[in-house]
Amino acid sequence: MPDHLTRTQAGLVFQIRIPKTLDPGLSYAPIRVTLGQVRIREAKRLATQLAGAAHLAFGRLQRKAIEGGEPGMKQHTDVGRAVRDHLTALLPVLRGLDGVGQIADGSLPVSSPAMAMQMAGAGLTGLLDLAADRISGTSALVSADAPALERHYLRLITDEGAARAHLDLPPLQPAAAVDDRVADVLEEILATQAALQAQVQGMASRTVNPAPLFSEASRAYQDKLRSAHGEGYDELNYLRHRTEVFLALMEDKPVNLYGEEDLQQFIDQVAFMPANASKDDDYDLARIREIIAGNRDLARKPISRVTLKNNYVGKVKTIIRAGCRQAKVPFQLDDIRLVYPKISPPKRQRMAPDYELLNRIFAMGVASGELTKAMLPLTGFVTGRRIGLLSFLRGEDIRQYHGVWIAIPPNVVTVDGAVRIVPYKTQESLSVFVLHNLLAEIGFIDWARRRDGFIFASLHEGVVDPADTAQKRMGRLFRAAGANPSLLETFHSLRTAKINFDRDLKIDPRTTRLQVGHELLDVHEGYGGSLRRSELHEIANAPLPIEIDFTVFRGLDFDGMAAKRPSRGRPKRIND
């Protein structure tokens, strides 16, 4: 394959690296422009011309850096984008000439095809040499007369008279003068050159860049999610908040103009955001800069690294990616390296409750006389499922399959004639899971199947978010039982306890992943689709820890416990 050309499924692609003078670390990907399905001869011509234009652009950028007293451009990604956009704009003009210098309609703007090729060769070779000399800085002539030389070599490509004089050929006869169409081509080339210069200087107008502003991209993406999931979709609240925080700290500009430096600057500022600041009574997004500046002394614990990375930077990148996809422009933020400050606390280690703590949680839950406090922790421990999904479990979702009891969680439920979305995290969260035989032995499954509606009905009475209500009630129960919040000994840690226990029993990891609703690791694991009969029985009949006293769940009056309303305040501790 000739220099600067490579082949992909989309056809031939022109590519060229940013010179080391502009990218000292050579860390950025080559500039690539798709030529499409064209003949190799045509592609070679286009590649030669695009290479000349690219080197000319690099030379201009390098000269600007030198004149500014800098060793090189600071924003290498901006260099790549500017040159790539310039070449993309220039490509339609170059396509107007075929492989022998003809205009697309077939007429000859020069005296002969051979002459057209000589003109292109002389002009582009000169531009290429000019750019190389300019970048190296070895030629004093180039430094002094670069603009005039540029104009001269550009003229050679489109003006046969000038080219003949440059090549020491006989002068052009008047009859063979260049017609108006060549003048139009020259005008287009000069116009694209001017557009490049304006873009490099940061003065390109919005009409040059078709990508939406960040604010526009965010609104469009939110509208897309709202149309798919409804106004009550939780993700919308996060996106609205992160958008406002980003725009309070950063400039609102076309999404494809954000680079690594922009995200790093955002990280360096928002890293000082106090954790849970949005829950403060006086929290106001109009004061976000003041709030962040006020915590520079770290008087309050800042947001965690996971929150910063996933819930702030991650959502900003999601919006930018959506905007780039909408405008059909490249997304440039995949292969970047961001530095997260050490002030951002790393992810805390989640500890599974030990069996002594589980005994206290179970005993306190049963002693409360409330069904949710008594049975939700046990159900979470033996199934390994998330609290949001269990909160919406109904008796009609339970059925017998291959001789064991399973639950088939729905993705939507109907409450008082209105459809509500079950708070599931991933598609795998909606997979079938097994109910341990202990739940059948104590009569809980039989009771639940006879019951209409939600099993844990008290979580749905007069509340907006049943899953959040469940989290708060379980949090109070766990803390009263002695759980350590700093070790994340919460209801969610029951999933960790279930996974660890299955490991102790040497249960196949694939089986456990299907049971707790985790994504399978590869295509091979996915074959079979769901739990096999042997896996169903293995989970349903798994021996339970002998250190845990499960007798507290026998002989319970589930009807009476379901009728008891939740108690107020913190439960009293029980003595070990």
Protein backbone atom coordinates (compact mmCIF):
# COMPACT_ATOMS: atom_id res chain seq x y z
CA MET A 1 0.00 0.00 0.00
CA PRO A 2 1.47 3.44 -0.94
CA ASP A 3 2.58 5.95 1.71
CA HIS A 4 -0.25 7.60 3.67
CA LEU A 5 -2.83 5.04 2.48
CA THR A 6 -4.41 2.14 4.33
CA ARG A 7 -7.44 0.00 3.63
CA THR A 8 -10.46 -0.62 5.89
CA GLN A 9 -13.94 -2.06 5.38
CA ALA A 10 -15.14 1.44 4.54
CA GLY A 11 -12.58 1.70 1.73
CA LEU A 12 -9.24 3.47 1.38
CA VAL A 13 -8.18 5.82 4.17
CA PHE A 14 -5.56 8.58 4.12
CA GLN A 15 -3.50 8.78 7.30
CA ILE A 16 -0.60 10.90 8.52
CA ARG A 17 1.05 11.33 11.91
CA ILE A 18 1.36 14.62 13.75
CA PRO A 19 5.07 15.64 13.58
CA LYS A 20 7.16 15.18 16.68
CA THR A 21 7.64 18.95 16.89
CA LEU A 22 3.91 19.27 17.60
CA ASP A 23 3.52 16.01 19.54
CA PRO A 24 6.86 15.39 21.34
CA GLY A 25 5.63 12.21 22.99
CA LEU A 26 4.17 10.78 19.78
CA SER A 27 1.25 9.72 21.94
CA TYR A 28 -1.64 10.69 19.67
CA ALA A 29 -3.20 8.61 16.95
CA PRO A 30 -2.57 9.44 13.28
CA ILE A 31 -4.90 11.83 11.50
CA ARG A 32 -7.23 9.76 9.33
CA VAL A 33 -9.53 10.84 6.49
CA THR A 34 -11.76 8.28 4.77
CA LEU A 35 -11.52 8.39 0.98
CA GLY A 36 -14.15 5.72 0.49
CA GLN A 37 -14.42 3.24 -2.36
CA VAL A 38 -12.16 4.88 -4.96
CA ARG A 39 -9.68 3.50 -7.44
CA ILE A 40 -6.14 3.15 -6.19
CA ARG A 41 -4.86 5.62 -8.80
CA GLU A 42 -7.34 8.25 -7.65
CA ALA A 43 -6.52 7.48 -4.00
CA LYS A 44 -2.79 7.95 -4.65
CA ARG A 45 -3.42 11.37 -6.16
CA LEU A 46 -5.68 12.42 -3.28
CA ALA A 47 -3.19 11.11 -0.71
CA THR A 48 -0.33 13.08 -2.28
CA GLN A 49 -2.38 16.27 -2.31
CA LEU A 50 -3.74 15.76 1.22
CA ALA A 51 -0.21 15.09 2.51
CA GLY A 52 0.98 18.37 1.03
CA ALA A 53 -1.94 20.24 2.57
CA ALA A 54 -1.34 18.53 5.95
CA HIS A 55 2.36 19.42 6.03
CA LEU A 56 1.48 22.97 5.10
CA ALA A 57 -0.92 23.10 8.04
CA PHE A 58 1.65 21.57 10.41
CA GLY A 59 4.15 24.18 9.28
CA ARG A 60 1.76 26.99 10.05
CA LEU A 61 1.03 25.63 13.50
CA GLN A 62 4.72 25.17 14.24
CA ARG A 63 5.51 28.69 13.09
CA LYS A 64 2.79 30.03 15.37
CA ALA A 65 4.29 28.12 18.29
CA ILE A 66 7.78 29.44 17.57
CA GLU A 67 6.56 33.00 17.19
CA GLY A 68 4.82 32.64 20.53
CA GLY A 69 8.07 31.57 22.18
CA GLU A 70 6.76 28.05 22.92
CA PRO A 71 8.59 24.82 22.02
CA GLY A 72 5.40 23.31 20.64
CA MET A 73 1.66 23.41 20.77
CA LYS A 74 0.14 22.58 24.13
CA GLN A 75 -3.09 21.02 22.91
CA HIS A 76 -1.98 18.23 20.63
CA THR A 77 -5.50 16.90 20.28
CA ASP A 78 -6.60 20.33 19.01
CA VAL A 79 -3.85 20.19 16.37
CA GLY A 80 -5.08 16.83 15.15
CA ARG A 81 -8.70 17.95 15.03
CA ALA A 82 -7.90 21.20 13.24
CA VAL A 83 -5.80 19.54 10.54
CA ARG A 84 -8.24 16.65 10.10
CA ASP A 85 -11.18 19.04 9.73
CA HIS A 86 -9.17 21.07 7.22
CA LEU A 87 -8.35 17.99 5.14
CA THR A 88 -11.96 16.81 5.28
CA ALA A 89 -13.11 20.21 4.00
CA LEU A 90 -10.44 20.19 1.26
CA LEU A 91 -11.26 16.68 0.03
CA PRO A 92 -14.38 17.61 -2.02
CA VAL A 93 -12.32 20.26 -3.87
CA LEU A 94 -9.59 17.76 -4.67
CA ARG A 95 -12.17 15.23 -5.83
CA GLY A 96 -13.25 17.81 -8.42
CA LEU A 97 -10.09 16.90 -10.35
CA ASP A 98 -9.71 13.36 -11.70
CA GLY A 99 -6.43 11.47 -11.88
CA VAL A 100 -5.16 13.49 -14.89
CA GLY A 101 -6.24 16.95 -13.79
CA GLN A 102 -9.69 17.06 -15.37
CA ILE A 103 -12.67 18.83 -13.92
CA ALA A 104 -15.46 16.40 -12.94
CA ASP A 105 -17.55 17.18 -16.04
CA GLY A 106 -14.74 15.89 -18.29
CA SER A 107 -13.46 19.14 -19.88
CA LEU A 108 -9.76 20.07 -19.72
CA PRO A 109 -8.87 23.20 -17.76
CA VAL A 110 -5.23 22.89 -18.88
CA SER A 111 -3.59 22.27 -22.23
CA SER A 112 -3.08 18.55 -21.62
CA PRO A 113 -3.41 15.83 -18.94
CA ALA A 114 0.36 15.52 -18.79
CA MET A 115 0.66 19.23 -18.05
CA ALA A 116 -1.92 18.95 -15.28
CA MET A 117 0.12 16.24 -13.60
CA GLN A 118 3.29 18.33 -13.84
CA MET A 119 1.47 21.29 -12.31
CA ALA A 120 0.18 19.22 -9.37
CA GLY A 121 3.59 17.65 -8.83
CA ALA A 122 5.46 20.95 -8.88
CA GLY A 123 3.02 22.74 -6.55
CA LEU A 124 2.54 19.99 -4.00
CA THR A 125 6.24 19.07 -3.93
CA GLY A 126 7.05 22.69 -3.24
CA LEU A 127 4.44 22.90 -0.48
CA LEU A 128 5.76 19.72 1.07
CA ASP A 129 9.37 20.98 1.03
CA LEU A 130 8.25 24.33 2.37
CA ALA A 131 6.44 22.71 5.28
CA ALA A 132 9.40 20.47 6.07
CA ASP A 133 11.85 23.39 6.07
CA ARG A 134 9.49 25.46 8.18
CA ILE A 135 9.07 22.75 10.80
CA SER A 136 12.81 22.04 11.01
CA GLY A 137 13.62 25.78 11.14
CA THR A 138 16.81 25.22 9.13
CA SER A 139 16.00 27.61 6.29
CA ALA A 140 16.30 31.36 6.85
CA LEU A 141 14.63 31.93 3.47
CA VAL A 142 11.55 30.04 4.55
CA SER A 143 11.36 31.99 7.77
CA ALA A 144 11.42 35.30 5.90
CA ASP A 145 9.41 34.57 2.77
CA ALA A 146 7.07 31.72 3.79
CA PRO A 147 3.77 33.49 2.92
CA ALA A 148 4.97 34.45 -0.54
CA LEU A 149 6.28 30.94 -1.20
CA GLU A 150 2.96 29.46 -0.10
CA ARG A 151 1.06 31.60 -2.58
CA HIS A 152 3.55 30.73 -5.30
CA TYR A 153 3.23 26.95 -4.87
CA LEU A 154 -0.56 27.09 -4.60
CA ARG A 155 -0.63 29.04 -7.84
CA LEU A 156 1.46 26.37 -9.58
CA ILE A 157 -1.31 23.80 -9.02
CA THR A 158 -4.00 25.86 -10.73
CA ASP A 159 -2.23 28.37 -13.00
CA GLU A 160 -0.63 26.75 -16.06
CA GLY A 161 1.18 29.93 -17.02
CA ALA A 162 2.89 30.17 -13.62
CA ALA A 163 3.70 26.47 -13.68
CA ARG A 164 5.30 26.69 -17.13
CA ALA A 165 7.50 29.55 -16.00
CA HIS A 166 8.49 27.61 -12.87
CA LEU A 167 9.33 24.49 -14.92
CA ASP A 168 11.19 26.46 -17.65
CA LEU A 169 8.65 25.39 -20.28
CA PRO A 170 7.49 27.49 -23.25
CA PRO A 171 4.86 30.08 -22.26
CA LEU A 172 1.17 29.20 -22.52
CA GLN A 173 -0.56 30.28 -25.73
CA PRO A 174 -3.52 32.63 -25.20
CA ALA A 175 -5.95 30.04 -26.55
CA ALA A 176 -5.02 27.65 -23.81
CA ALA A 177 -5.55 30.08 -20.95
CA VAL A 178 -7.09 28.74 -17.77
CA ASP A 179 -10.88 29.19 -17.86
CA ASP A 180 -13.18 30.42 -15.14
CA ARG A 181 -13.74 26.97 -13.71
CA VAL A 182 -10.11 26.66 -12.62
CA ALA A 183 -10.37 30.08 -11.00
CA ASP A 184 -13.36 28.73 -9.04
CA VAL A 185 -11.29 25.75 -7.86
CA LEU A 186 -8.50 28.10 -6.77
CA GLU A 187 -11.02 30.22 -4.89
CA GLU A 188 -12.33 27.14 -3.06
CA ILE A 189 -8.83 26.06 -2.07
CA LEU A 190 -7.98 29.50 -0.73
CA ALA A 191 -11.29 29.59 1.15
CA THR A 192 -10.53 26.30 2.90
CA GLN A 193 -7.05 27.56 3.77
CA ALA A 194 -8.63 30.62 5.40
CA ALA A 195 -11.10 28.41 7.29
CA LEU A 196 -8.21 26.34 8.69
CA GLN A 197 -6.36 29.42 9.87
CA ALA A 198 -9.48 30.75 11.58
CA GLN A 199 -10.10 27.42 13.27
CA VAL A 200 -6.53 27.11 14.57
CA GLN A 201 -6.83 30.60 16.05
CA GLY A 202 -10.07 29.61 17.77
CA MET A 203 -12.19 31.95 15.68
CA ALA A 204 -14.14 29.41 13.60
CA SER A 205 -17.83 30.21 13.54
CA ARG A 206 -20.58 27.82 14.61
CA THR A 207 -21.45 27.20 10.96
CA VAL A 208 -18.00 25.61 10.46
CA ASN A 209 -18.61 23.10 13.27
CA PRO A 210 -21.81 21.05 12.93
CA ALA A 211 -21.54 19.51 16.42
CA PRO A 212 -24.02 20.71 19.10
CA LEU A 213 -23.03 22.63 22.19
CA PHE A 214 -22.64 20.54 25.35
CA SER A 215 -25.85 22.05 26.74
CA GLU A 216 -27.73 21.14 23.54
CA ALA A 217 -26.30 17.61 23.49
CA SER A 218 -27.34 17.11 27.12
CA ARG A 219 -30.92 18.23 26.45
CA ALA A 220 -31.16 15.98 23.38
CA TYR A 221 -29.81 12.97 25.29
CA GLN A 222 -32.17 13.57 28.20
CA ASP A 223 -35.10 13.87 25.79
CA LYS A 224 -34.10 10.52 24.28
CA LEU A 225 -34.06 8.82 27.69
CA ARG A 226 -37.28 10.55 28.72
CA SER A 227 -39.02 9.29 25.59
CA ALA A 228 -37.83 5.74 26.26
CA HIS A 229 -38.26 5.52 30.05
CA GLY A 230 -40.58 8.35 31.12
CA GLU A 231 -40.07 11.47 33.20
CA GLY A 232 -39.59 9.46 36.39
CA TYR A 233 -36.41 7.76 35.13
CA ASP A 234 -33.78 8.23 37.86
CA GLU A 235 -30.92 8.76 35.42
CA LEU A 236 -32.49 12.04 34.27
CA ASN A 237 -31.92 13.63 37.68
CA TYR A 238 -28.23 12.68 37.63
CA LEU A 239 -27.76 13.98 34.09
CA ARG A 240 -29.46 17.29 34.86
CA HIS A 241 -27.31 17.86 37.95
CA ARG A 242 -24.01 16.83 36.32
CA THR A 243 -24.77 19.02 33.30
CA GLU A 244 -25.36 22.07 35.47
CA VAL A 245 -22.20 21.41 37.51
CA PHE A 246 -20.12 20.98 34.34
CA LEU A 247 -21.45 24.17 32.75
CA ALA A 248 -20.94 26.10 35.99
CA LEU A 249 -17.24 25.21 35.86
CA MET A 250 -16.50 24.87 32.13
CA GLU A 251 -17.20 26.67 28.87
CA ASP A 252 -20.24 25.55 26.87
CA LYS A 253 -18.81 24.70 23.45
CA PRO A 254 -19.34 22.17 20.62
CA VAL A 255 -18.91 18.66 21.98
CA ASN A 256 -16.17 17.67 19.53
CA LEU A 257 -13.97 20.54 20.73
CA TYR A 258 -13.58 19.14 24.25
CA GLY A 259 -10.23 17.48 24.81
CA GLU A 260 -8.25 15.76 27.52
CA GLU A 261 -7.23 19.12 28.99
CA ASP A 262 -10.88 20.15 29.45
CA LEU A 263 -11.79 17.00 31.37
CA GLN A 264 -8.64 17.25 33.47
CA GLN A 265 -9.50 20.84 34.36
CA PHE A 266 -13.02 19.74 35.32
CA ILE A 267 -11.64 16.94 37.52
CA ASP A 268 -9.19 19.27 39.26
CA GLN A 269 -12.07 21.53 40.27
CA VAL A 270 -14.95 19.21 41.06
CA ALA A 271 -12.67 16.91 43.11
CA PHE A 272 -13.09 19.40 45.99
CA MET A 273 -16.89 19.07 45.95
CA PRO A 274 -17.99 18.06 49.47
CA ALA A 275 -19.51 14.59 49.63
CA ASN A 276 -23.32 14.70 49.68
CA ALA A 277 -23.25 18.48 49.24
CA SER A 278 -26.43 18.31 47.16
CA LYS A 279 -28.30 17.17 50.30
CA ASP A 280 -27.40 20.33 52.23
CA ASP A 281 -30.35 22.60 53.00
CA ASP A 282 -28.60 25.61 51.45
CA TYR A 283 -27.24 23.78 48.38
CA ASP A 284 -27.58 25.97 45.30
CA LEU A 285 -26.05 25.23 41.90
CA ALA A 286 -25.66 28.96 41.34
CA ARG A 287 -23.09 28.82 44.17
CA ILE A 288 -21.23 25.75 42.94
CA ARG A 289 -17.94 27.59 42.43
CA GLU A 290 -18.24 29.08 45.91
CA ILE A 291 -19.04 25.67 47.43
CA ILE A 292 -16.01 24.06 45.80
CA ALA A 293 -13.70 26.95 46.67
CA GLY A 294 -14.92 26.83 50.26
CA ASN A 295 -13.77 23.22 50.60
CA ARG A 296 -10.24 23.75 49.26
CA ASP A 297 -9.04 23.28 52.84
CA LEU A 298 -10.89 19.92 52.89
CA ALA A 299 -12.94 20.94 55.91
CA ARG A 300 -15.47 18.43 54.60
CA LYS A 301 -14.75 15.06 53.06
CA PRO A 302 -14.72 15.40 49.24
CA ILE A 303 -16.61 13.13 46.88
CA SER A 304 -15.09 9.69 46.40
CA ARG A 305 -12.97 8.73 43.44
CA VAL A 306 -15.65 6.32 42.23
CA THR A 307 -18.26 9.09 42.32
CA LEU A 308 -15.93 11.53 40.60
CA LYS A 309 -14.95 9.04 37.89
CA ASN A 310 -18.30 7.38 37.20
CA ASN A 311 -20.98 9.85 38.23
CA TYR A 312 -19.34 13.10 37.13
CA VAL A 313 -16.68 12.49 34.45
CA GLY A 314 -18.44 9.37 33.20
CA LYS A 315 -21.76 11.13 32.64
CA VAL A 316 -20.06 14.13 31.01
CA LYS A 317 -18.33 11.79 28.57
CA THR A 318 -21.64 10.02 27.91
CA ILE A 319 -23.25 13.33 26.94
CA ILE A 320 -20.31 14.30 24.72
CA ARG A 321 -20.35 10.89 23.04
CA ALA A 322 -24.08 11.17 22.37
CA GLY A 323 -23.62 14.65 20.89
CA CYS A 324 -20.79 13.46 18.62
CA ARG A 325 -22.89 10.53 17.44
CA GLN A 326 -25.80 12.88 16.74
CA ALA A 327 -23.58 15.16 14.62
CA LYS A 328 -21.74 12.22 13.01
CA VAL A 329 -18.34 13.54 14.13
CA PRO A 330 -15.55 11.52 15.78
CA PHE A 331 -15.55 11.08 19.57
CA GLN A 332 -12.03 11.91 20.76
CA LEU A 333 -12.14 11.05 24.49
CA ASP A 334 -11.69 7.28 24.55
CA ASP A 335 -7.90 6.96 24.51
CA ILE A 336 -7.00 9.63 27.04
CA ARG A 337 -5.25 9.49 30.40
CA LEU A 338 -6.86 11.42 33.21
CA VAL A 339 -5.26 11.95 36.62
CA TYR A 340 -7.56 11.74 39.65
CA PRO A 341 -6.25 13.73 42.64
CA LYS A 342 -5.20 11.89 45.77
CA ILE A 343 -7.67 13.97 47.75
CA SER A 344 -10.43 11.85 46.15
CA PRO A 345 -10.91 8.96 48.58
CA PRO A 346 -10.47 5.58 46.87
CA LYS A 347 -13.23 3.02 46.85
CA ARG A 348 -13.83 1.57 50.30
CA GLN A 349 -13.60 -2.15 50.80
CA ARG A 350 -17.00 -3.75 51.33
CA MET A 351 -16.98 -6.30 54.14
CA ALA A 352 -19.51 -9.11 54.26
CA PRO A 353 -21.23 -9.27 57.66
CA ASP A 354 -19.75 -11.99 59.82
CA TYR A 355 -22.07 -14.61 61.25
CA GLU A 356 -22.27 -12.97 64.68
CA LEU A 357 -23.54 -9.76 63.06
CA LEU A 358 -25.99 -11.70 60.90
CA ASN A 359 -27.36 -13.43 63.99
CA ARG A 360 -27.98 -10.04 65.61
CA ILE A 361 -29.60 -8.62 62.46
CA PHE A 362 -31.90 -11.62 62.07
CA ALA A 363 -32.84 -11.71 65.77
CA MET A 364 -33.57 -7.96 65.89
CA GLY A 365 -35.59 -8.15 62.69
CA VAL A 366 -37.79 -10.95 64.05
CA ALA A 367 -38.09 -9.25 67.45
CA SER A 368 -39.45 -6.11 65.75
CA GLY A 369 -42.55 -8.05 64.73
CA GLU A 370 -42.47 -6.35 61.30
CA LEU A 371 -42.41 -8.53 58.21
CA THR A 372 -39.99 -6.35 56.26
CA LYS A 373 -37.39 -6.19 59.03
CA ALA A 374 -37.71 -9.90 59.74
CA MET A 375 -37.80 -11.42 56.25
CA LEU A 376 -36.10 -8.97 53.87
CA PRO A 377 -32.58 -9.54 55.33
CA LEU A 378 -33.04 -13.32 55.26
CA THR A 379 -34.32 -13.22 51.67
CA GLY A 380 -31.38 -11.03 50.66
CA PHE A 381 -28.88 -13.41 52.27
CA VAL A 382 -30.17 -16.66 50.73
CA THR A 383 -30.79 -15.19 47.25
CA GLY A 384 -28.01 -12.59 46.89
CA ARG A 385 -30.35 -10.20 45.06
CA ARG A 386 -30.46 -6.39 45.28
CA ILE A 387 -32.83 -4.70 47.69
CA GLY A 388 -34.66 -2.75 44.97
CA LEU A 389 -35.67 -5.91 43.14
CA LEU A 390 -36.72 -7.72 46.33
CA SER A 391 -38.81 -4.72 47.39
CA PHE A 392 -41.03 -5.20 44.34
CA LEU A 393 -41.32 -9.00 44.62
CA ARG A 394 -44.91 -10.34 44.48
CA GLY A 395 -46.36 -13.74 45.27
CA GLU A 396 -47.38 -14.18 41.63
CA ASP A 397 -43.69 -13.92 40.65
CA ILE A 398 -42.92 -17.17 42.50
CA ARG A 399 -43.42 -20.55 40.83
CA GLN A 400 -42.07 -24.08 41.01
CA TYR A 401 -39.65 -25.22 38.31
CA HIS A 402 -37.80 -28.55 38.16
CA GLY A 403 -38.93 -29.20 41.72
CA VAL A 404 -37.52 -26.00 43.27
CA TRP A 405 -38.99 -22.58 43.94
CA ILE A 406 -37.84 -19.75 41.68
CA ALA A 407 -38.70 -16.06 41.33
CA ILE A 408 -39.20 -14.38 37.95
CA PRO A 409 -38.76 -10.65 38.61
CA PRO A 410 -40.83 -8.32 36.39
CA ASN A 411 -39.44 -5.17 34.83
CA VAL A 412 -42.73 -3.28 35.27
CA VAL A 413 -45.67 -3.61 37.68
CA THR A 414 -49.12 -2.05 37.76
CA VAL A 415 -50.08 -0.10 40.88
CA ASP A 416 -53.57 1.43 41.10
CA GLY A 417 -53.90 1.24 37.34
CA ALA A 418 -50.57 2.95 36.68
CA VAL A 419 -47.48 1.22 35.32
CA ARG A 420 -44.31 1.54 37.42
CA ILE A 421 -40.80 0.52 36.42
CA VAL A 422 -39.06 -1.90 38.78
CA PRO A 423 -35.67 -0.43 39.82
CA TYR A 424 -33.38 -2.97 38.18
CA LYS A 425 -29.72 -2.11 37.51
CA THR A 426 -28.91 -4.22 34.46
CA GLN A 427 -30.66 -6.65 32.15
CA GLU A 428 -29.05 -9.49 34.11
CA SER A 429 -30.82 -8.23 37.24
CA LEU A 430 -34.11 -9.43 35.76
CA SER A 431 -32.91 -13.02 35.39
CA VAL A 432 -34.62 -15.88 37.22
CA PHE A 433 -33.25 -16.69 40.67
CA VAL A 434 -33.71 -19.54 43.14
CA LEU A 435 -35.43 -19.31 46.54
CA HIS A 436 -33.64 -21.47 49.09
CA ASN A 437 -35.65 -24.37 50.53
CA LEU A 438 -35.41 -22.76 53.97
CA LEU A 439 -38.00 -20.19 52.83
CA ALA A 440 -40.35 -23.06 51.96
CA GLU A 441 -39.66 -24.95 55.17
CA ILE A 442 -40.63 -22.01 57.39
CA GLY A 443 -43.83 -21.49 55.36
CA PHE A 444 -42.84 -18.12 53.90
CA ILE A 445 -43.17 -19.13 50.23
CA ASP A 446 -46.59 -20.71 50.75
CA TRP A 447 -47.77 -17.58 52.59
CA ALA A 448 -46.36 -15.23 49.93
CA ARG A 449 -48.00 -17.14 47.05
CA ARG A 450 -51.43 -16.84 48.70
CA ARG A 451 -50.98 -13.10 49.08
CA ASP A 452 -52.09 -10.49 46.53
CA GLY A 453 -49.72 -7.70 45.60
CA PHE A 454 -46.29 -6.98 46.98
CA ILE A 455 -44.84 -9.32 49.57
CA PHE A 456 -43.26 -6.42 51.47
CA ALA A 457 -46.32 -4.19 51.14
CA SER A 458 -45.35 -1.72 53.89
CA LEU A 459 -42.52 -0.44 51.67
CA HIS A 460 -45.11 0.82 49.16
CA GLU A 461 -47.51 2.58 51.52
CA GLY A 462 -47.42 6.36 51.12
CA VAL A 463 -43.90 6.51 49.73
CA VAL A 464 -42.53 7.72 46.41
CA ASP A 465 -39.56 5.35 46.20
CA PRO A 466 -40.08 1.92 47.84
CA ALA A 467 -36.49 0.84 47.16
CA ASP A 468 -35.13 3.94 48.91
CA THR A 469 -37.52 3.37 51.81
CA ALA A 470 -36.24 -0.19 52.11
CA GLN A 471 -32.62 1.03 52.13
CA LYS A 472 -33.32 3.47 54.95
CA ARG A 473 -35.18 0.94 57.09
CA MET A 474 -32.51 -1.70 56.58
CA GLY A 475 -29.80 0.89 57.31
CA ARG A 476 -31.37 1.64 60.70
CA LEU A 477 -31.73 -2.06 61.47
CA PHE A 478 -28.14 -2.89 60.50
CA ARG A 479 -26.67 0.01 62.48
CA ALA A 480 -28.70 -0.93 65.55
CA ALA A 481 -27.34 -4.46 65.24
CA GLY A 482 -23.78 -3.12 65.27
CA ALA A 483 -22.95 -2.96 61.56
CA ASN A 484 -20.03 -0.69 60.73
CA PRO A 485 -20.94 1.87 58.02
CA SER A 486 -17.25 2.62 57.36
CA LEU A 487 -16.83 -1.00 56.23
CA LEU A 488 -19.99 -0.73 54.10
CA GLU A 489 -21.74 -3.41 56.18
CA THR A 490 -25.10 -2.60 54.63
CA PHE A 491 -27.91 -4.61 53.09
CA HIS A 492 -25.95 -4.71 49.83
CA SER A 493 -23.15 -6.52 51.65
CA LEU A 494 -25.51 -9.50 51.95
CA ARG A 495 -24.76 -10.09 48.24
CA THR A 496 -21.08 -10.27 49.15
CA ALA A 497 -21.90 -12.70 51.96
CA LYS A 498 -23.88 -14.92 49.56
CA ILE A 499 -21.08 -14.91 46.97
CA ASN A 500 -18.42 -15.69 49.61
CA PHE A 501 -20.52 -18.54 51.02
CA ASP A 502 -20.98 -20.06 47.56
CA ARG A 503 -17.22 -19.93 47.10
CA ASP A 504 -16.76 -21.79 50.37
CA LEU A 505 -19.16 -24.45 49.06
CA LYS A 506 -17.14 -24.68 45.78
CA ILE A 507 -20.21 -23.77 43.71
CA ASP A 508 -19.36 -23.03 40.08
CA PRO A 509 -18.76 -19.24 39.72
CA ARG A 510 -21.03 -19.20 36.64
CA THR A 511 -23.86 -20.61 38.76
CA THR A 512 -23.39 -17.92 41.41
CA ARG A 513 -23.24 -15.14 38.81
CA LEU A 514 -26.57 -16.26 37.35
CA GLN A 515 -28.12 -16.54 40.81
CA VAL A 516 -27.13 -13.04 42.01
CA GLY A 517 -27.85 -11.40 38.64
CA HIS A 518 -24.32 -10.58 37.55
CA GLU A 519 -23.20 -10.41 33.93
CA LEU A 520 -21.49 -13.55 32.60
CA LEU A 521 -17.84 -13.13 31.71
CA ASP A 522 -17.81 -14.34 28.11
CA VAL A 523 -19.84 -15.84 25.26
CA HIS A 524 -18.97 -19.38 26.30
CA GLU A 525 -20.47 -18.91 29.77
CA GLY A 526 -23.63 -17.53 28.18
CA TYR A 527 -24.45 -20.77 26.37
CA GLY A 528 -27.45 -22.40 28.01
CA GLY A 529 -29.05 -19.05 28.80
CA SER A 530 -30.13 -19.70 32.40
CA LEU A 531 -29.62 -21.93 35.39
CA ARG A 532 -29.61 -25.64 34.57
CA ARG A 533 -31.68 -28.16 36.53
CA SER A 534 -28.63 -29.35 38.47
CA GLU A 535 -27.69 -25.75 39.31
CA LEU A 536 -31.22 -24.96 40.49
CA HIS A 537 -31.13 -27.87 42.95
CA GLU A 538 -27.58 -27.04 44.06
CA ILE A 539 -28.62 -23.53 45.11
CA ALA A 540 -32.00 -24.51 46.60
CA ASN A 541 -30.48 -27.28 48.74
CA ALA A 542 -27.16 -25.63 49.61
CA PRO A 543 -26.24 -26.25 53.27
CA LEU A 544 -26.56 -23.08 55.33
CA PRO A 545 -23.91 -21.89 57.84
CA ILE A 546 -24.26 -23.80 61.06
CA GLU A 547 -23.02 -20.72 62.94
CA ILE A 548 -26.25 -18.86 62.12
CA ASP A 549 -29.38 -19.53 64.19
CA PHE A 550 -32.16 -19.90 61.60
CA THR A 551 -34.59 -21.30 64.17
CA VAL A 552 -35.74 -17.72 64.92
CA PHE A 553 -37.68 -17.84 61.63
CA ARG A 554 -39.72 -20.93 62.47
CA GLY A 555 -43.32 -20.64 63.64
CA LEU A 556 -43.73 -16.98 62.69
CA ASP A 557 -47.15 -15.41 62.19
CA PHE A 558 -46.59 -13.83 58.77
CA ASP A 559 -50.13 -12.41 58.58
CA GLY A 560 -49.72 -10.65 61.91
CA MET A 561 -46.25 -9.37 60.99
CA ALA A 562 -47.49 -8.04 57.64
CA ALA A 563 -50.32 -6.19 59.42
CA LYS A 564 -48.00 -4.46 61.89
CA ARG A 565 -47.05 -0.93 60.81
CA PRO A 566 -43.36 0.08 60.78
CA SER A 567 -42.06 1.41 64.06
CA ARG A 568 -40.58 4.89 64.33
CA GLY A 569 -37.07 5.74 65.46
CA ARG A 570 -34.01 3.60 65.99
CA PRO A 571 -34.53 0.02 67.21
CA LYS A 572 -33.11 -0.84 70.61
CA ARG A 573 -29.96 -2.93 70.71
CA ILE A 574 -30.22 -6.48 71.94
CA ASN A 575 -27.65 -8.08 74.21
CA ASP A 576 -25.39 -10.69 72.68
